[in-house]
C-alpha atoms as a PDB file:
ATOM      1  CA  MET A   1      41.876 -11.464 -23.070  1.00  0.00           C
ATOM      2  CA  SER A   2      44.667 -14.007 -23.330  1.00  0.00           C
ATOM      3  CA  ALA A   3      46.415 -14.736 -26.605  1.00  0.00           C
ATOM      4  CA  ALA A   4      45.672 -18.463 -26.433  1.00  0.00           C
ATOM      5  CA  PRO A   5      41.964 -19.401 -26.682  1.00  0.00           C
ATOM      6  CA  LEU A   6      40.274 -21.078 -23.740  1.00  0.00           C
ATOM      7  CA  VAL A   7      38.503 -23.567 -26.034  1.00  0.00           C
ATOM      8  CA  GLN A   8      39.934 -24.836 -29.318  1.00  0.00           C
ATOM      9  CA  VAL A   9      37.917 -27.151 -31.603  1.00  0.00           C
ATOM     10  CA  ASP A  10      39.743 -28.807 -34.522  1.00  0.00           C
ATOM     11  CA  ASP A  11      37.983 -30.832 -37.254  1.00  0.00           C
ATOM     12  CA  LEU A  12      35.369 -32.104 -34.804  1.00  0.00           C
ATOM     13  CA  GLN A  13      33.263 -35.004 -36.082  1.00  0.00           C
ATOM     14  CA  MET A  14      30.421 -37.076 -34.695  1.00  0.00           C
ATOM     15  CA  ARG A  15      28.603 -39.835 -36.507  1.00  0.00           C
ATOM     16  CA  PHE A  16      25.755 -41.951 -35.178  1.00  0.00           C
ATOM     17  CA  ASP A  17      24.983 -45.512 -36.208  1.00  0.00           C
ATOM     18  CA  VAL A  18      21.307 -45.522 -37.244  1.00  0.00           C
ATOM     19  CA  SER A  19      21.379 -48.950 -38.910  1.00  0.00           C
ATOM     20  CA  ALA A  20      18.555 -51.415 -38.730  1.00  0.00           C
ATOM     21  CA  PRO A  21      19.051 -54.422 -36.392  1.00  0.00           C
ATOM     22  CA  TRP A  22      21.679 -56.928 -37.510  1.00  0.00           C
ATOM     23  CA  LEU A  23      19.200 -59.643 -38.579  1.00  0.00           C
ATOM     24  CA  ASN A  24      17.158 -57.187 -40.663  1.00  0.00           C
ATOM     25  CA  ARG A  25      20.300 -56.029 -42.446  1.00  0.00           C
ATOM     26  CA  VAL A  26      21.347 -59.613 -43.182  1.00  0.00           C
ATOM     27  CA  LEU A  27      17.932 -60.607 -44.537  1.00  0.00           C
ATOM     28  CA  GLU A  28      17.484 -57.424 -46.552  1.00  0.00           C
ATOM     29  CA  ARG A  29      21.174 -57.265 -47.545  1.00  0.00           C
ATOM     30  CA  LYS A  30      21.510 -53.659 -46.467  1.00  0.00           C
ATOM     31  CA  PRO A  31      24.728 -52.007 -45.255  1.00  0.00           C
ATOM     32  CA  LYS A  32      25.113 -50.059 -42.056  1.00  0.00           C
ATOM     33  CA  GLN A  33      23.836 -46.473 -42.086  1.00  0.00           C
ATOM     34  CA  PHE A  34      25.471 -43.520 -40.362  1.00  0.00           C
ATOM     35  CA  VAL A  35      24.398 -39.931 -39.788  1.00  0.00           C
ATOM     36  CA  HIS A  36      27.229 -37.399 -39.766  1.00  0.00           C
ATOM     37  CA  ALA A  37      25.699 -35.048 -37.200  1.00  0.00           C
ATOM     38  CA  VAL A  38      28.918 -33.017 -36.956  1.00  0.00           C
ATOM     39  CA  ASP A  39      31.095 -33.172 -40.044  1.00  0.00           C
ATOM     40  CA  GLY A  40      34.477 -31.575 -39.436  1.00  0.00           C
ATOM     41  CA  ILE A  41      34.016 -28.185 -37.787  1.00  0.00           C
ATOM     42  CA  SER A  42      36.724 -25.960 -36.288  1.00  0.00           C
ATOM     43  CA  PHE A  43      36.502 -22.841 -34.134  1.00  0.00           C
ATOM     44  CA  HIS A  44      37.960 -21.313 -30.980  1.00  0.00           C
ATOM     45  CA  ILE A  45      36.590 -19.219 -28.127  1.00  0.00           C
ATOM     46  CA  GLN A  46      38.674 -16.653 -26.294  1.00  0.00           C
ATOM     47  CA  ARG A  47      38.365 -16.369 -22.529  1.00  0.00           C
ATOM     48  CA  GLY A  48      35.446 -14.123 -21.508  1.00  0.00           C
ATOM     49  CA  GLN A  49      33.874 -14.167 -24.992  1.00  0.00           C
ATOM     50  CA  THR A  50      30.649 -15.667 -26.362  1.00  0.00           C
ATOM     51  CA  LEU A  51      30.487 -17.729 -29.538  1.00  0.00           C
ATOM     52  CA  ALA A  52      26.966 -18.420 -30.801  1.00  0.00           C
ATOM     53  CA  LEU A  53      26.137 -21.311 -33.125  1.00  0.00           C
ATOM     54  CA  VAL A  54      22.989 -20.825 -35.212  1.00  0.00           C
ATOM     55  CA  GLY A  55      21.177 -22.851 -37.826  1.00  0.00           C
ATOM     56  CA  GLU A  56      17.992 -24.769 -38.562  1.00  0.00           C
ATOM     57  CA  SER A  57      16.862 -27.672 -36.405  1.00  0.00           C
ATOM     58  CA  GLY A  58      18.914 -30.801 -37.049  1.00  0.00           C
ATOM     59  CA  CYS A  59      22.071 -29.005 -38.206  1.00  0.00           C
ATOM     60  CA  GLY A  60      24.183 -30.419 -35.354  1.00  0.00           C
ATOM     61  CA  LYS A  61      24.275 -27.519 -32.871  1.00  0.00           C
ATOM     62  CA  SER A  62      23.203 -29.524 -29.823  1.00  0.00           C
ATOM     63  CA  THR A  63      25.549 -32.370 -30.752  1.00  0.00           C
ATOM     64  CA  VAL A  64      28.453 -29.899 -30.683  1.00  0.00           C
ATOM     65  CA  ALA A  65      27.335 -28.798 -27.212  1.00  0.00           C
ATOM     66  CA  ARG A  66      27.312 -32.355 -25.907  1.00  0.00           C
ATOM     67  CA  LEU A  67      30.688 -33.094 -27.456  1.00  0.00           C
ATOM     68  CA  LEU A  68      32.271 -30.124 -25.709  1.00  0.00           C
ATOM     69  CA  VAL A  69      31.089 -31.151 -22.238  1.00  0.00           C
ATOM     70  CA  GLY A  70      31.974 -34.826 -22.708  1.00  0.00           C
ATOM     71  CA  LEU A  71      28.465 -36.298 -22.980  1.00  0.00           C
ATOM     72  CA  TYR A  72      29.501 -37.737 -26.362  1.00  0.00           C
ATOM     73  CA  ARG A  73      32.915 -39.026 -27.366  1.00  0.00           C
ATOM     74  CA  PRO A  74      33.820 -37.566 -30.777  1.00  0.00           C
ATOM     75  CA  SER A  75      34.224 -39.850 -33.787  1.00  0.00           C
ATOM     76  CA  GLY A  76      37.082 -37.651 -35.008  1.00  0.00           C
ATOM     77  CA  GLY A  77      38.858 -34.384 -34.392  1.00  0.00           C
ATOM     78  CA  ASP A  78      39.726 -32.848 -31.063  1.00  0.00           C
ATOM     79  CA  VAL A  79      38.523 -30.400 -28.418  1.00  0.00           C
ATOM     80  CA  ARG A  80      41.172 -28.623 -26.343  1.00  0.00           C
ATOM     81  CA  PHE A  81      40.555 -26.777 -23.103  1.00  0.00           C
ATOM     82  CA  GLU A  82      43.441 -24.488 -22.188  1.00  0.00           C
ATOM     83  CA  GLY A  83      45.561 -26.430 -24.675  1.00  0.00           C
ATOM     84  CA  ARG A  84      44.839 -29.900 -23.267  1.00  0.00           C
ATOM     85  CA  SER A  85      42.806 -32.447 -25.214  1.00  0.00           C
ATOM     86  CA  THR A  86      39.515 -33.178 -23.447  1.00  0.00           C
ATOM     87  CA  ARG A  87      39.329 -36.607 -25.127  1.00  0.00           C
ATOM     88  CA  ASP A  88      42.192 -37.744 -22.872  1.00  0.00           C
ATOM     89  CA  TRP A  89      41.326 -35.446 -19.971  1.00  0.00           C
ATOM     90  CA  PHE A  90      37.791 -36.852 -19.500  1.00  0.00           C
ATOM     91  CA  ALA A  91      39.335 -40.332 -19.161  1.00  0.00           C
ATOM     92  CA  ALA A  92      42.156 -39.240 -16.834  1.00  0.00           C
ATOM     93  CA  ALA A  93      42.300 -39.397 -13.048  1.00  0.00           C
ATOM     94  CA  ASP A  94      41.910 -35.618 -12.798  1.00  0.00           C
ATOM     95  CA  ALA A  95      38.741 -35.535 -14.944  1.00  0.00           C
ATOM     96  CA  PRO A  96      36.666 -34.031 -12.072  1.00  0.00           C
ATOM     97  CA  ALA A  97      38.900 -30.940 -12.212  1.00  0.00           C
ATOM     98  CA  LEU A  98      37.850 -30.423 -15.842  1.00  0.00           C
ATOM     99  CA  ARG A  99      34.180 -31.091 -15.176  1.00  0.00           C
ATOM    100  CA  ARG A 100      34.183 -28.459 -12.427  1.00  0.00           C
ATOM    101  CA  ARG A 101      35.484 -25.896 -14.913  1.00  0.00           C
ATOM    102  CA  LEU A 102      32.891 -26.498 -17.628  1.00  0.00           C
ATOM    103  CA  GLN A 103      29.159 -26.905 -17.170  1.00  0.00           C
ATOM    104  CA  MET A 104      26.049 -27.019 -19.340  1.00  0.00           C
ATOM    105  CA  ILE A 105      22.644 -25.333 -19.256  1.00  0.00           C
ATOM    106  CA  PHE A 106      20.037 -27.439 -21.036  1.00  0.00           C
ATOM    107  CA  GLN A 107      17.219 -26.343 -23.293  1.00  0.00           C
ATOM    108  CA  ASP A 108      14.142 -27.468 -21.379  1.00  0.00           C
ATOM    109  CA  PRO A 109      13.947 -26.386 -17.717  1.00  0.00           C
ATOM    110  CA  TYR A 110      10.901 -28.631 -17.297  1.00  0.00           C
ATOM    111  CA  ALA A 111      12.910 -31.765 -18.177  1.00  0.00           C
ATOM    112  CA  SER A 112      16.372 -30.948 -16.823  1.00  0.00           C
ATOM    113  CA  LEU A 113      15.335 -30.684 -13.143  1.00  0.00           C
ATOM    114  CA  ASN A 114      14.444 -33.752 -11.076  1.00  0.00           C
ATOM    115  CA  PRO A 115      10.771 -33.261 -10.073  1.00  0.00           C
ATOM    116  CA  ARG A 116      11.224 -35.418  -6.951  1.00  0.00           C
ATOM    117  CA  TRP A 117      14.049 -33.307  -5.527  1.00  0.00           C
ATOM    118  CA  LYS A 118      13.794 -30.038  -3.696  1.00  0.00           C
ATOM    119  CA  VAL A 119      15.723 -27.083  -5.101  1.00  0.00           C
ATOM    120  CA  ARG A 120      18.282 -27.328  -2.279  1.00  0.00           C
ATOM    121  CA  ASP A 121      19.164 -30.885  -3.376  1.00  0.00           C
ATOM    122  CA  ILE A 122      19.268 -29.974  -7.070  1.00  0.00           C
ATOM    123  CA  VAL A 123      21.652 -27.063  -6.598  1.00  0.00           C
ATOM    124  CA  ALA A 124      23.718 -28.806  -3.899  1.00  0.00           C
ATOM    125  CA  GLU A 125      24.291 -31.985  -5.932  1.00  0.00           C
ATOM    126  CA  PRO A 126      27.390 -30.677  -7.808  1.00  0.00           C
ATOM    127  CA  LEU A 127      28.701 -29.203  -4.548  1.00  0.00           C
ATOM    128  CA  ARG A 128      28.589 -32.621  -2.883  1.00  0.00           C
ATOM    129  CA  GLU A 129      29.750 -34.494  -6.000  1.00  0.00           C
ATOM    130  CA  HIS A 130      32.915 -32.399  -6.190  1.00  0.00           C
ATOM    131  CA  ALA A 131      33.378 -32.172  -2.398  1.00  0.00           C
ATOM    132  CA  LEU A 132      33.106 -28.382  -2.425  1.00  0.00           C
ATOM    133  CA  VAL A 133      31.225 -28.341   0.909  1.00  0.00           C
ATOM    134  CA  VAL A 134      31.993 -30.287   4.081  1.00  0.00           C
ATOM    135  CA  ASN A 135      28.629 -30.371   5.849  1.00  0.00           C
ATOM    136  CA  ALA A 136      24.909 -29.678   5.427  1.00  0.00           C
ATOM    137  CA  ALA A 137      25.099 -26.203   6.947  1.00  0.00           C
ATOM    138  CA  GLU A 138      27.788 -25.109   4.477  1.00  0.00           C
ATOM    139  CA  ALA A 139      25.805 -26.598   1.591  1.00  0.00           C
ATOM    140  CA  GLU A 140      22.656 -24.752   2.700  1.00  0.00           C
ATOM    141  CA  ALA A 141      24.532 -21.446   2.881  1.00  0.00           C
ATOM    142  CA  ARG A 142      26.124 -21.941  -0.530  1.00  0.00           C
ATOM    143  CA  VAL A 143      22.774 -22.879  -2.115  1.00  0.00           C
ATOM    144  CA  GLY A 144      21.273 -19.681  -0.696  1.00  0.00           C
ATOM    145  CA  GLU A 145      24.114 -17.632  -2.202  1.00  0.00           C
ATOM    146  CA  LEU A 146      23.657 -19.239  -5.624  1.00  0.00           C
ATOM    147  CA  LEU A 147      19.881 -18.689  -5.608  1.00  0.00           C
ATOM    148  CA  SER A 148      20.399 -15.032  -4.686  1.00  0.00           C
ATOM    149  CA  GLN A 149      22.945 -14.730  -7.482  1.00  0.00           C
ATOM    150  CA  VAL A 150      20.333 -15.733 -10.083  1.00  0.00           C
ATOM    151  CA  GLY A 151      17.571 -13.533  -8.650  1.00  0.00           C
ATOM    152  CA  LEU A 152      15.710 -16.067  -6.495  1.00  0.00           C
ATOM    153  CA  ASN A 153      14.996 -16.073  -2.775  1.00  0.00           C
ATOM    154  CA  PRO A 154      17.155 -18.379  -0.596  1.00  0.00           C
ATOM    155  CA  ALA A 155      13.885 -19.570   0.990  1.00  0.00           C
ATOM    156  CA  ASP A 156      12.991 -21.109  -2.401  1.00  0.00           C
ATOM    157  CA  ALA A 157      15.458 -23.906  -1.597  1.00  0.00           C
ATOM    158  CA  SER A 158      12.713 -25.785   0.258  1.00  0.00           C
ATOM    159  CA  LYS A 159      10.379 -25.885  -2.771  1.00  0.00           C
ATOM    160  CA  PHE A 160       9.983 -28.394  -5.601  1.00  0.00           C
ATOM    161  CA  PRO A 161      10.513 -27.504  -9.321  1.00  0.00           C
ATOM    162  CA  HIS A 162       6.777 -27.719 -10.117  1.00  0.00           C
ATOM    163  CA  GLN A 163       6.173 -24.725  -7.835  1.00  0.00           C
ATOM    164  CA  PHE A 164       8.119 -22.417 -10.179  1.00  0.00           C
ATOM    165  CA  SER A 165       7.455 -20.820 -13.556  1.00  0.00           C
ATOM    166  CA  GLY A 166       9.540 -21.696 -16.612  1.00  0.00           C
ATOM    167  CA  GLY A 167      11.817 -18.693 -16.218  1.00  0.00           C
ATOM    168  CA  GLN A 168      12.368 -19.435 -12.533  1.00  0.00           C
ATOM    169  CA  ARG A 169      13.189 -23.065 -13.330  1.00  0.00           C
ATOM    170  CA  GLN A 170      15.806 -21.943 -15.828  1.00  0.00           C
ATOM    171  CA  ARG A 171      17.284 -19.708 -13.123  1.00  0.00           C
ATOM    172  CA  ILE A 172      17.553 -22.791 -10.922  1.00  0.00           C
ATOM    173  CA  SER A 173      19.349 -24.578 -13.784  1.00  0.00           C
ATOM    174  CA  ILE A 174      21.766 -21.651 -14.044  1.00  0.00           C
ATOM    175  CA  ALA A 175      22.360 -21.712 -10.277  1.00  0.00           C
ATOM    176  CA  ARG A 176      23.152 -25.436 -10.494  1.00  0.00           C
ATOM    177  CA  ALA A 177      25.573 -24.805 -13.381  1.00  0.00           C
ATOM    178  CA  LEU A 178      27.314 -22.039 -11.400  1.00  0.00           C
ATOM    179  CA  ALA A 179      27.703 -24.193  -8.283  1.00  0.00           C
ATOM    180  CA  THR A 180      31.198 -25.400  -9.190  1.00  0.00           C
ATOM    181  CA  ALA A 181      32.380 -21.884 -10.156  1.00  0.00           C
ATOM    182  CA  PRO A 182      32.962 -22.884 -13.815  1.00  0.00           C
ATOM    183  CA  GLU A 183      34.917 -20.887 -16.369  1.00  0.00           C
ATOM    184  CA  PHE A 184      33.095 -22.192 -19.468  1.00  0.00           C
ATOM    185  CA  LEU A 185      29.332 -22.606 -19.876  1.00  0.00           C
ATOM    186  CA  VAL A 186      27.720 -24.427 -22.791  1.00  0.00           C
ATOM    187  CA  CYS A 187      24.193 -23.053 -23.210  1.00  0.00           C
ATOM    188  CA  ASP A 188      21.965 -25.224 -25.407  1.00  0.00           C
ATOM    189  CA  GLU A 189      19.061 -22.952 -26.404  1.00  0.00           C
ATOM    190  CA  PRO A 190      18.514 -21.973 -22.751  1.00  0.00           C
ATOM    191  CA  THR A 191      15.600 -19.613 -23.489  1.00  0.00           C
ATOM    192  CA  SER A 192      13.770 -21.290 -26.379  1.00  0.00           C
ATOM    193  CA  ALA A 193      11.129 -22.837 -24.076  1.00  0.00           C
ATOM    194  CA  LEU A 194      10.361 -19.505 -22.379  1.00  0.00           C
ATOM    195  CA  ASP A 195       8.039 -16.599 -23.128  1.00  0.00           C
ATOM    196  CA  VAL A 196       9.633 -13.614 -24.863  1.00  0.00           C
ATOM    197  CA  SER A 197       9.530 -11.327 -21.812  1.00  0.00           C
ATOM    198  CA  VAL A 198      11.009 -14.057 -19.620  1.00  0.00           C
ATOM    199  CA  GLN A 199      13.666 -14.744 -22.266  1.00  0.00           C
ATOM    200  CA  ALA A 200      14.900 -11.173 -21.943  1.00  0.00           C
ATOM    201  CA  GLN A 201      15.198 -11.488 -18.156  1.00  0.00           C
ATOM    202  CA  VAL A 202      17.189 -14.713 -18.369  1.00  0.00           C
ATOM    203  CA  LEU A 203      19.458 -13.387 -21.137  1.00  0.00           C
ATOM    204  CA  ASN A 204      20.203 -10.213 -19.183  1.00  0.00           C
ATOM    205  CA  LEU A 205      20.960 -12.338 -16.124  1.00  0.00           C
ATOM    206  CA  MET A 206      23.410 -14.438 -18.159  1.00  0.00           C
ATOM    207  CA  ARG A 207      25.163 -11.328 -19.490  1.00  0.00           C
ATOM    208  CA  ASP A 208      25.454  -9.883 -15.992  1.00  0.00           C
ATOM    209  CA  LEU A 209      26.891 -13.160 -14.673  1.00  0.00           C
ATOM    210  CA  GLN A 210      29.367 -13.262 -17.550  1.00  0.00           C
ATOM    211  CA  GLN A 211      30.656  -9.774 -16.769  1.00  0.00           C
ATOM    212  CA  LYS A 212      30.742 -10.399 -13.024  1.00  0.00           C
ATOM    213  CA  ASN A 213      32.393 -13.844 -13.113  1.00  0.00           C
ATOM    214  CA  GLY A 214      34.397 -13.612 -16.360  1.00  0.00           C
ATOM    215  CA  LEU A 215      32.523 -16.526 -17.900  1.00  0.00           C
ATOM    216  CA  THR A 216      33.074 -17.882 -21.411  1.00  0.00           C
ATOM    217  CA  TYR A 217      29.981 -19.058 -23.309  1.00  0.00           C
ATOM    218  CA  LEU A 218      29.169 -21.327 -26.208  1.00  0.00           C
ATOM    219  CA  PHE A 219      25.615 -20.209 -26.941  1.00  0.00           C
ATOM    220  CA  ILE A 220      23.404 -22.452 -29.078  1.00  0.00           C
ATOM    221  CA  SER A 221      20.323 -20.857 -30.622  1.00  0.00           C
ATOM    222  CA  HIS A 222      18.131 -20.652 -33.696  1.00  0.00           C
ATOM    223  CA  ASN A 223      16.860 -17.207 -32.708  1.00  0.00           C
ATOM    224  CA  LEU A 224      18.980 -14.563 -34.430  1.00  0.00           C
ATOM    225  CA  ALA A 225      17.626 -11.766 -32.231  1.00  0.00           C
ATOM    226  CA  VAL A 226      18.886 -13.626 -29.159  1.00  0.00           C
ATOM    227  CA  VAL A 227      22.232 -14.217 -30.870  1.00  0.00           C
ATOM    228  CA  HIS A 228      22.572 -10.525 -31.691  1.00  0.00           C
ATOM    229  CA  HIS A 229      22.002  -9.705 -28.014  1.00  0.00           C
ATOM    230  CA  MET A 230      24.429 -12.279 -26.583  1.00  0.00           C
ATOM    231  CA  ALA A 231      27.252 -13.101 -28.997  1.00  0.00           C
ATOM    232  CA  ASP A 232      30.671 -11.675 -29.768  1.00  0.00           C
ATOM    233  CA  GLU A 233      31.202 -14.125 -32.648  1.00  0.00           C
ATOM    234  CA  VAL A 234      28.666 -16.123 -34.652  1.00  0.00           C
ATOM    235  CA  GLY A 235      29.076 -19.453 -36.425  1.00  0.00           C
ATOM    236  CA  VAL A 236      26.389 -20.502 -38.925  1.00  0.00           C
ATOM    237  CA  MET A 237      25.899 -24.278 -39.236  1.00  0.00           C
ATOM    238  CA  TYR A 238      24.245 -26.217 -42.024  1.00  0.00           C
ATOM    239  CA  LEU A 239      23.933 -30.009 -42.094  1.00  0.00           C
ATOM    240  CA  GLY A 240      26.770 -30.583 -39.631  1.00  0.00           C
ATOM    241  CA  ARG A 241      29.218 -28.084 -41.137  1.00  0.00           C
ATOM    242  CA  LEU A 242      30.179 -24.485 -40.457  1.00  0.00           C
ATOM    243  CA  VAL A 243      29.380 -22.368 -43.509  1.00  0.00           C
ATOM    244  CA  GLU A 244      30.245 -18.933 -42.061  1.00  0.00           C
ATOM    245  CA  LEU A 245      32.143 -17.707 -38.997  1.00  0.00           C
ATOM    246  CA  SER A 246      32.527 -14.028 -38.182  1.00  0.00           C
ATOM    247  CA  ASP A 247      32.263 -11.400 -35.484  1.00  0.00           C
ATOM    248  CA  LYS A 248      28.671 -10.433 -34.775  1.00  0.00           C
ATOM    249  CA  LYS A 249      28.663  -6.903 -36.193  1.00  0.00           C
ATOM    250  CA  ARG A 250      30.172  -7.892 -39.508  1.00  0.00           C
ATOM    251  CA  LEU A 251      27.978 -10.949 -39.962  1.00  0.00           C
ATOM    252  CA  PHE A 252      24.736  -9.035 -39.362  1.00  0.00           C
ATOM    253  CA  ALA A 253      25.861  -6.072 -41.469  1.00  0.00           C
ATOM    254  CA  GLN A 254      27.471  -7.972 -44.362  1.00  0.00           C
ATOM    255  CA  PRO A 255      26.515 -11.665 -44.472  1.00  0.00           C
ATOM    256  CA  ARG A 256      28.440 -13.470 -47.188  1.00  0.00           C
ATOM    257  CA  HIS A 257      27.130 -17.037 -47.406  1.00  0.00           C
ATOM    258  CA  PRO A 258      23.774 -17.426 -49.250  1.00  0.00           C
ATOM    259  CA  TYR A 259      22.390 -19.476 -46.347  1.00  0.00           C
ATOM    260  CA  THR A 260      23.275 -16.753 -43.817  1.00  0.00           C
ATOM    261  CA  ARG A 261      21.574 -14.204 -46.065  1.00  0.00           C
ATOM    262  CA  MET A 262      18.440 -16.326 -46.209  1.00  0.00           C
ATOM    263  CA  LEU A 263      18.369 -16.642 -42.408  1.00  0.00           C
ATOM    264  CA  LEU A 264      18.722 -12.883 -41.952  1.00  0.00           C
ATOM    265  CA  ASP A 265      16.161 -12.129 -44.666  1.00  0.00           C
ATOM    266  CA  ALA A 266      13.645 -14.261 -42.769  1.00  0.00           C
ATOM    267  CA  ILE A 267      13.695 -11.811 -39.829  1.00  0.00           C
ATOM    268  CA  PRO A 268      10.764  -9.342 -39.992  1.00  0.00           C
ATOM    269  CA  ASP A 269      12.072  -5.756 -39.925  1.00  0.00           C
ATOM    270  CA  ILE A 270       9.733  -2.815 -40.514  1.00  0.00           C
ATOM    271  CA  GLN A 271      12.686  -0.513 -41.288  1.00  0.00           C
ATOM    272  CA  LEU A 272      13.672  -2.669 -44.267  1.00  0.00           C
ATOM    273  CA  THR A 273      10.267  -2.620 -45.948  1.00  0.00           C
ATOM    274  CA  GLY A 274      10.735  -2.413 -49.706  1.00  0.00           C
ATOM    275  CA  ARG A 275      14.197  -4.007 -49.719  1.00  0.00           C
ATOM    276  CA  GLN A 276      14.445  -7.034 -51.964  1.00  0.00           C
ATOM    277  CA  ARG A 277      14.688 -10.223 -49.959  1.00  0.00           C
ATOM    278  CA  ALA A 278      15.646 -13.767 -50.928  1.00  0.00           C
ATOM    279  CA  ALA A 279      12.962 -16.148 -49.717  1.00  0.00           C
ATOM    280  CA  VAL A 280      14.091 -19.283 -47.899  1.00  0.00           C
ATOM    281  CA  GLN A 281      13.880 -22.000 -50.524  1.00  0.00           C
ATOM    282  CA  GLY A 282      13.510 -25.769 -50.303  1.00  0.00           C
ATOM    283  CA  GLU A 283      13.884 -28.126 -47.370  1.00  0.00           C
ATOM    284  CA  VAL A 284      16.883 -29.357 -45.386  1.00  0.00           C
ATOM    285  CA  PRO A 285      18.185 -32.497 -47.171  1.00  0.00           C
ATOM    286  CA  ASN A 286      17.967 -35.939 -45.614  1.00  0.00           C
ATOM    287  CA  PRO A 287      21.102 -36.249 -43.424  1.00  0.00           C
ATOM    288  CA  LEU A 288      21.260 -39.976 -44.282  1.00  0.00           C
ATOM    289  CA  SER A 289      21.997 -39.062 -47.895  1.00  0.00           C
ATOM    290  CA  PRO A 290      23.397 -35.520 -47.983  1.00  0.00           C
ATOM    291  CA  PRO A 291      24.000 -33.816 -51.347  1.00  0.00           C
ATOM    292  CA  SER A 292      27.377 -34.125 -53.011  1.00  0.00           C
ATOM    293  CA  GLY A 293      29.730 -31.144 -53.055  1.00  0.00           C
ATOM    294  CA  CYS A 294      28.318 -28.179 -51.159  1.00  0.00           C
ATOM    295  CA  SER A 295      25.471 -29.496 -49.025  1.00  0.00           C
ATOM    296  CA  PHE A 296      23.541 -26.237 -49.567  1.00  0.00           C
ATOM    297  CA  HIS A 297      23.639 -26.303 -53.372  1.00  0.00           C
ATOM    298  CA  PRO A 298      20.081 -27.722 -53.910  1.00  0.00           C
ATOM    299  CA  ARG A 299      18.687 -24.605 -52.188  1.00  0.00           C
ATOM    300  CA  CYS A 300      21.234 -22.037 -53.361  1.00  0.00           C
ATOM    301  CA  PRO A 301      20.345 -19.562 -56.155  1.00  0.00           C
ATOM    302  CA  HIS A 302      24.070 -19.098 -56.955  1.00  0.00           C
ATOM    303  CA  ALA A 303      25.046 -22.789 -57.311  1.00  0.00           C
ATOM    304  CA  ASN A 304      26.951 -23.980 -60.375  1.00  0.00           C
ATOM    305  CA  GLU A 305      28.511 -27.303 -61.440  1.00  0.00           C
ATOM    306  CA  ARG A 306      31.501 -26.866 -59.127  1.00  0.00           C
ATOM    307  CA  CYS A 307      29.147 -26.427 -56.158  1.00  0.00           C
ATOM    308  CA  LYS A 308      27.492 -29.751 -57.015  1.00  0.00           C
ATOM    309  CA  THR A 309      30.724 -31.755 -57.076  1.00  0.00           C
ATOM    310  CA  GLU A 310      33.342 -30.059 -54.863  1.00  0.00           C
ATOM    311  CA  ARG A 311      32.942 -29.490 -51.134  1.00  0.00           C
ATOM    312  CA  PRO A 312      33.928 -25.903 -50.218  1.00  0.00           C
ATOM    313  CA  VAL A 313      36.470 -25.324 -47.453  1.00  0.00           C
ATOM    314  CA  LEU A 314      36.003 -22.712 -44.734  1.00  0.00           C
ATOM    315  CA  SER A 315      38.407 -19.979 -45.866  1.00  0.00           C
ATOM    316  CA  GLU A 316      38.946 -16.369 -44.871  1.00  0.00           C
ATOM    317  CA  PHE A 317      37.660 -13.557 -47.115  1.00  0.00           C
ATOM    318  CA  GLN A 318      37.991  -9.977 -45.881  1.00  0.00           C
ATOM    319  CA  GLY A 319      37.970 -10.996 -42.222  1.00  0.00           C
ATOM    320  CA  ILE A 320      35.064 -13.445 -42.527  1.00  0.00           C
ATOM    321  CA  ARG A 321      35.507 -17.208 -42.756  1.00  0.00           C
ATOM    322  CA  VAL A 322      33.138 -18.603 -45.401  1.00  0.00           C
ATOM    323  CA  ALA A 323      32.701 -21.995 -47.057  1.00  0.00           C
ATOM    324  CA  CYS A 324      31.285 -20.960 -50.431  1.00  0.00           C
ATOM    325  CA  HIS A 325      32.582 -21.290 -54.002  1.00  0.00           C
ATOM    326  CA  ALA A 326      30.476 -18.297 -55.135  1.00  0.00           C
ATOM    327  CA  VAL A 327      32.215 -16.052 -52.602  1.00  0.00           C
ATOM    328  CA  ALA A 328      35.662 -17.459 -53.470  1.00  0.00           C
ATOM    329  CA  GLU A 329      35.076 -16.868 -57.192  1.00  0.00           C
ATOM    330  CA  GLY A 330      33.637 -13.385 -56.705  1.00  0.00           C
ATOM    331  CA  ARG A 331      30.196 -14.363 -58.003  1.00  0.00           C
ATOM    332  CA  LEU A 332      28.513 -13.202 -54.808  1.00  0.00           C
END
């Protein structure tokens, strides 16, 4: 593992304009409205490691994924790949070199594959786009290799996506992502649409591919059991911000932030029967008008006046990075 991280994210921000049409705003005298989907997060991923981002739906996980692969242009902050800013790199003449090195696996294998294309065309598209093959015979051979790599038969190249199960379709998505021999894969809940038994097969395949090819993953999920299986480090997001960042073993053994504790307490565990648990309280606030101070304070049993007025900063406490006044003051 190199000293310098492969991916470095600094104060990343993304806001979306969700305002009403111009004429409506003029007639109703309303200002523009923005949603801060990602509100200043920072992390890094070492080469060959997996960072998992977890949190409730709408916390900004998928937006982070799209920012890292260049599908969105950030409103603020920076993403660096091997020390070079991707904001400038995606706009540069050598942008294809970056896109070959990072790829994305999407959440829904039923929506991410073109139903009108055969598997050979789906998997070969990045090969042709990046001129990695010179003729049809070479493309056919490479597609067969990629399908074998993800546990499918090379003869499946002549089939259409609707002829496969959900797990097989996700394997096709993985084969397409591996076509350019990337170093960094962004996985946006790649197993959430699959049955539990199929999830395990796909996750084990991804771990095997990581070990074989030295891949680096950003793994997005809301399933903590999946995160425990896949991650080296875990970042917990709430309303666009990172509230806790730690290595997997420490976070699952000693969660510090009240929100992380609530997430872990929500996992059924027969071995922990009788242990006092904190029930998940309240609802996620409206992102159009987030709470002042700590965004979690309306749901937090440890909140005080400082939590309601002052936004906590992600700081290190005993090897864990936490954004919580209660932890900083020793109240938790």
